[in-house]
Amino acid sequence: MTVYHWLSIVLSVLALALLLLGGLLALRRLRRVKSPAQEGWLTDQMVRQIIQAGRLADGQVPERALNLEEIAREEDRFWSESWEDPDRYWD
């Protein structure tokens, strides 16, 4: 085997290693985007999706992210408030 054969083998292995590394980095970035973090997990893109579609897709909300009892209490408190007209200070 000549030097050129060895050089082509080394360059081929190096190119394959770089492709593998790039694929792993892309997969890591994709997994980070698809699975939100547990603390502060609501992203700007999720907010835009809520505004456009009215809800998030299934599987985007972690199970522990919502406290359903607290939500029910706040909803009851909201609906139990009086709906009187505001005072008009400028009259």
N, C-alpha and C. Protein backbone atom coordinates (compact mmCIF):
# COMPACT_ATOMS: atom_id res chain seq x y z
N MET A 1 0.85 -1.18 0.00
CA MET A 1 0.00 0.00 0.00
C MET A 1 0.89 1.25 0.00
N THR A 2 0.45 2.18 -0.74
CA THR A 2 1.23 3.40 -0.85
C THR A 2 0.79 4.40 0.22
N VAL A 3 1.49 5.50 0.27
CA VAL A 3 1.17 6.56 1.23
C VAL A 3 -0.20 7.15 0.92
N TYR A 4 -0.53 7.20 -0.36
CA TYR A 4 -1.82 7.77 -0.75
C TYR A 4 -2.99 6.90 -0.25
N HIS A 5 -2.79 5.59 -0.26
CA HIS A 5 -3.82 4.69 0.27
C HIS A 5 -4.02 4.92 1.77
N TRP A 6 -2.92 4.99 2.49
CA TRP A 6 -3.02 5.23 3.94
C TRP A 6 -3.65 6.60 4.22
N LEU A 7 -3.28 7.59 3.47
CA LEU A 7 -3.82 8.93 3.65
C LEU A 7 -5.32 8.94 3.36
N SER A 8 -5.76 8.26 2.32
CA SER A 8 -7.19 8.21 2.00
C SER A 8 -7.97 7.46 3.08
N ILE A 9 -7.40 6.42 3.64
CA ILE A 9 -8.06 5.67 4.71
C ILE A 9 -8.21 6.55 5.95
N VAL A 10 -7.16 7.24 6.33
CA VAL A 10 -7.19 8.11 7.51
C VAL A 10 -8.20 9.23 7.30
N LEU A 11 -8.20 9.85 6.12
CA LEU A 11 -9.15 10.93 5.84
C LEU A 11 -10.59 10.41 5.82
N SER A 12 -10.80 9.21 5.31
CA SER A 12 -12.14 8.62 5.30
C SER A 12 -12.64 8.37 6.73
N VAL A 13 -11.78 7.82 7.56
CA VAL A 13 -12.15 7.58 8.95
C VAL A 13 -12.42 8.90 9.67
N LEU A 14 -11.61 9.90 9.40
CA LEU A 14 -11.81 11.21 10.00
C LEU A 14 -13.14 11.83 9.55
N ALA A 15 -13.45 11.70 8.26
CA ALA A 15 -14.71 12.23 7.74
C ALA A 15 -15.90 11.51 8.37
N LEU A 16 -15.83 10.20 8.50
CA LEU A 16 -16.91 9.44 9.14
C LEU A 16 -17.06 9.83 10.62
N ALA A 17 -15.97 10.05 11.29
CA ALA A 17 -16.02 10.46 12.69
C ALA A 17 -16.67 11.84 12.82
N LEU A 18 -16.34 12.76 11.91
CA LEU A 18 -16.96 14.09 11.94
C LEU A 18 -18.46 14.01 11.63
N LEU A 19 -18.84 13.17 10.69
CA LEU A 19 -20.27 12.98 10.40
C LEU A 19 -21.00 12.41 11.62
N LEU A 20 -20.40 11.43 12.26
CA LEU A 20 -21.00 10.83 13.46
C LEU A 20 -21.13 11.86 14.57
N LEU A 21 -20.11 12.66 14.78
CA LEU A 21 -20.15 13.70 15.80
C LEU A 21 -21.24 14.73 15.49
N GLY A 22 -21.33 15.15 14.23
CA GLY A 22 -22.37 16.09 13.83
C GLY A 22 -23.76 15.51 14.04
N GLY A 23 -23.96 14.26 13.71
CA GLY A 23 -25.25 13.60 13.93
C GLY A 23 -25.61 13.52 15.40
N LEU A 24 -24.64 13.20 16.23
CA LEU A 24 -24.89 13.14 17.68
C LEU A 24 -25.26 14.50 18.25
N LEU A 25 -24.55 15.54 17.79
CA LEU A 25 -24.87 16.89 18.26
C LEU A 25 -26.25 17.33 17.80
N ALA A 26 -26.62 17.00 16.56
CA ALA A 26 -27.95 17.35 16.05
C ALA A 26 -29.04 16.59 16.83
N LEU A 27 -28.80 15.33 17.13
CA LEU A 27 -29.76 14.54 17.91
C LEU A 27 -29.90 15.10 19.32
N ARG A 28 -28.80 15.48 19.92
CA ARG A 28 -28.85 16.06 21.27
C ARG A 28 -29.65 17.36 21.27
N ARG A 29 -29.42 18.19 20.26
CA ARG A 29 -30.15 19.46 20.17
C ARG A 29 -31.64 19.22 19.94
N LEU A 30 -31.97 18.26 19.10
CA LEU A 30 -33.37 17.93 18.82
C LEU A 30 -34.06 17.41 20.07
N ARG A 31 -33.38 16.56 20.84
CA ARG A 31 -33.99 16.03 22.08
C ARG A 31 -34.20 17.15 23.08
N ARG A 32 -33.28 18.11 23.15
CA ARG A 32 -33.42 19.22 24.08
C ARG A 32 -34.61 20.10 23.69
N VAL A 33 -34.82 20.28 22.39
CA VAL A 33 -35.94 21.11 21.92
C VAL A 33 -37.27 20.41 22.15
N LYS A 34 -37.32 19.10 21.91
CA LYS A 34 -38.58 18.37 22.03
C LYS A 34 -38.99 18.12 23.47
N SER A 35 -38.05 17.97 24.36
CA SER A 35 -38.40 17.70 25.75
C SER A 35 -38.08 18.94 26.59
N PRO A 36 -39.12 19.64 27.08
CA PRO A 36 -38.87 20.86 27.84
C PRO A 36 -38.23 20.55 29.20
N ALA A 37 -37.50 21.50 29.69
CA ALA A 37 -36.89 21.37 31.01
C ALA A 37 -37.97 21.39 32.09
N GLN A 38 -37.71 20.82 33.24
CA GLN A 38 -38.72 20.73 34.29
C GLN A 38 -38.96 22.08 34.97
N GLU A 39 -37.93 22.88 35.11
CA GLU A 39 -38.10 24.18 35.77
C GLU A 39 -38.08 25.26 34.70
N GLY A 40 -39.13 26.05 34.63
CA GLY A 40 -39.21 27.05 33.59
C GLY A 40 -39.35 26.43 32.22
N TRP A 41 -40.16 25.41 32.09
CA TRP A 41 -40.23 24.61 30.89
C TRP A 41 -41.04 25.25 29.77
N LEU A 42 -41.83 26.27 30.04
CA LEU A 42 -42.65 26.89 29.02
C LEU A 42 -41.79 27.83 28.17
N THR A 43 -41.68 27.53 26.89
CA THR A 43 -40.82 28.32 26.01
C THR A 43 -41.65 29.32 25.21
N ASP A 44 -40.95 30.23 24.54
CA ASP A 44 -41.63 31.22 23.70
C ASP A 44 -42.41 30.56 22.57
N GLN A 45 -41.82 29.51 22.01
CA GLN A 45 -42.52 28.81 20.93
C GLN A 45 -43.80 28.16 21.44
N MET A 46 -43.78 27.63 22.65
CA MET A 46 -44.99 27.04 23.23
C MET A 46 -46.06 28.10 23.46
N VAL A 47 -45.65 29.28 23.89
CA VAL A 47 -46.60 30.38 24.09
C VAL A 47 -47.22 30.76 22.75
N ARG A 48 -46.40 30.85 21.69
CA ARG A 48 -46.94 31.17 20.36
C ARG A 48 -47.93 30.10 19.91
N GLN A 49 -47.62 28.84 20.21
CA GLN A 49 -48.53 27.75 19.84
C GLN A 49 -49.85 27.86 20.60
N ILE A 50 -49.79 28.24 21.87
CA ILE A 50 -51.01 28.42 22.65
C ILE A 50 -51.84 29.56 22.07
N ILE A 51 -51.19 30.64 21.67
CA ILE A 51 -51.91 31.78 21.10
C ILE A 51 -52.55 31.40 19.77
N GLN A 52 -51.84 30.66 18.94
CA GLN A 52 -52.36 30.30 17.62
C GLN A 52 -53.41 29.19 17.68
N ALA A 53 -53.10 28.11 18.41
CA ALA A 53 -53.97 26.94 18.39
C ALA A 53 -54.88 26.86 19.62
N GLY A 54 -54.57 27.61 20.66
CA GLY A 54 -55.38 27.56 21.86
C GLY A 54 -54.95 26.51 22.86
N ARG A 55 -54.00 25.68 22.51
CA ARG A 55 -53.52 24.64 23.42
C ARG A 55 -52.19 24.09 22.92
N LEU A 56 -51.55 23.34 23.79
CA LEU A 56 -50.30 22.66 23.43
C LEU A 56 -50.63 21.26 22.94
N ALA A 57 -49.75 20.72 22.12
CA ALA A 57 -49.92 19.35 21.65
C ALA A 57 -49.73 18.38 22.81
N ASP A 58 -50.36 17.22 22.69
CA ASP A 58 -50.22 16.20 23.73
C ASP A 58 -48.76 15.79 23.86
N GLY A 59 -48.32 15.58 25.06
CA GLY A 59 -46.95 15.16 25.30
C GLY A 59 -45.97 16.30 25.50
N GLN A 60 -46.39 17.53 25.28
CA GLN A 60 -45.48 18.66 25.48
C GLN A 60 -45.49 19.14 26.92
N VAL A 61 -46.51 18.80 27.66
CA VAL A 61 -46.64 19.26 29.04
C VAL A 61 -46.22 18.13 29.98
N PRO A 62 -45.20 18.34 30.80
CA PRO A 62 -44.82 17.31 31.76
C PRO A 62 -45.94 17.08 32.78
N GLU A 63 -46.07 15.86 33.26
CA GLU A 63 -47.16 15.52 34.18
C GLU A 63 -47.11 16.35 35.46
N ARG A 64 -45.91 16.60 35.97
CA ARG A 64 -45.79 17.32 37.24
C ARG A 64 -45.86 18.83 37.07
N ALA A 65 -46.04 19.31 35.83
CA ALA A 65 -46.02 20.75 35.59
C ALA A 65 -47.29 21.43 36.09
N LEU A 66 -48.41 20.72 36.12
CA LEU A 66 -49.67 21.32 36.49
C LEU A 66 -50.17 20.78 37.83
N ASN A 67 -50.55 21.68 38.72
CA ASN A 67 -51.17 21.31 39.97
C ASN A 67 -52.67 21.52 39.78
N LEU A 68 -53.39 20.44 39.47
CA LEU A 68 -54.80 20.54 39.11
C LEU A 68 -55.66 21.06 40.26
N GLU A 69 -55.30 20.74 41.49
CA GLU A 69 -56.07 21.24 42.63
C GLU A 69 -55.93 22.76 42.74
N GLU A 70 -54.72 23.27 42.58
CA GLU A 70 -54.51 24.71 42.65
C GLU A 70 -55.23 25.42 41.50
N ILE A 71 -55.22 24.82 40.33
CA ILE A 71 -55.93 25.40 39.19
C ILE A 71 -57.42 25.46 39.48
N ALA A 72 -57.99 24.40 40.05
CA ALA A 72 -59.42 24.39 40.37
C ALA A 72 -59.75 25.45 41.41
N ARG A 73 -58.88 25.61 42.43
CA ARG A 73 -59.12 26.64 43.45
C ARG A 73 -59.11 28.03 42.84
N GLU A 74 -58.13 28.30 42.00
CA GLU A 74 -58.04 29.62 41.37
C GLU A 74 -59.22 29.88 40.43
N GLU A 75 -59.65 28.85 39.75
CA GLU A 75 -60.81 29.01 38.86
C GLU A 75 -62.07 29.30 39.67
N ASP A 76 -62.27 28.59 40.78
CA ASP A 76 -63.42 28.87 41.65
C ASP A 76 -63.34 30.28 42.21
N ARG A 77 -62.15 30.71 42.63
CA ARG A 77 -62.00 32.06 43.15
C ARG A 77 -62.30 33.09 42.08
N PHE A 78 -61.85 32.86 40.88
CA PHE A 78 -62.08 33.80 39.79
C PHE A 78 -63.58 33.95 39.51
N TRP A 79 -64.28 32.83 39.42
CA TRP A 79 -65.70 32.90 39.08
C TRP A 79 -66.55 33.37 40.25
N SER A 80 -66.04 33.32 41.47
CA SER A 80 -66.82 33.76 42.62
C SER A 80 -66.70 35.27 42.85
N GLU A 81 -65.79 35.95 42.16
CA GLU A 81 -65.65 37.39 42.31
C GLU A 81 -66.86 38.10 41.73
N SER A 82 -67.15 39.28 42.28
CA SER A 82 -68.28 40.05 41.75
C SER A 82 -67.89 40.71 40.44
N TRP A 83 -68.88 40.89 39.59
CA TRP A 83 -68.64 41.45 38.28
C TRP A 83 -69.31 42.82 38.16
N GLU A 84 -69.09 43.64 39.16
CA GLU A 84 -69.68 44.98 39.15
C GLU A 84 -68.91 45.88 38.20
N ASP A 85 -69.58 46.92 37.75
CA ASP A 85 -68.92 47.89 36.88
C ASP A 85 -67.84 48.62 37.66
N PRO A 86 -66.75 48.97 37.02
CA PRO A 86 -65.69 49.71 37.72
C PRO A 86 -66.14 51.13 38.07
N ASP A 87 -65.56 51.67 39.12
CA ASP A 87 -65.85 53.06 39.50
C ASP A 87 -65.35 53.98 38.40
N ARG A 88 -66.13 55.02 38.14
CA ARG A 88 -65.72 55.97 37.10
C ARG A 88 -65.26 57.24 37.80
N TYR A 89 -63.96 57.38 37.92
CA TYR A 89 -63.38 58.52 38.63
C TYR A 89 -63.40 59.80 37.78
N TRP A 90 -63.53 59.66 36.48
CA TRP A 90 -63.46 60.82 35.62
C TRP A 90 -64.82 61.51 35.41
N ASP A 91 -65.91 60.95 35.95
CA ASP A 91 -67.24 61.58 35.81
C ASP A 91 -67.39 62.76 36.71
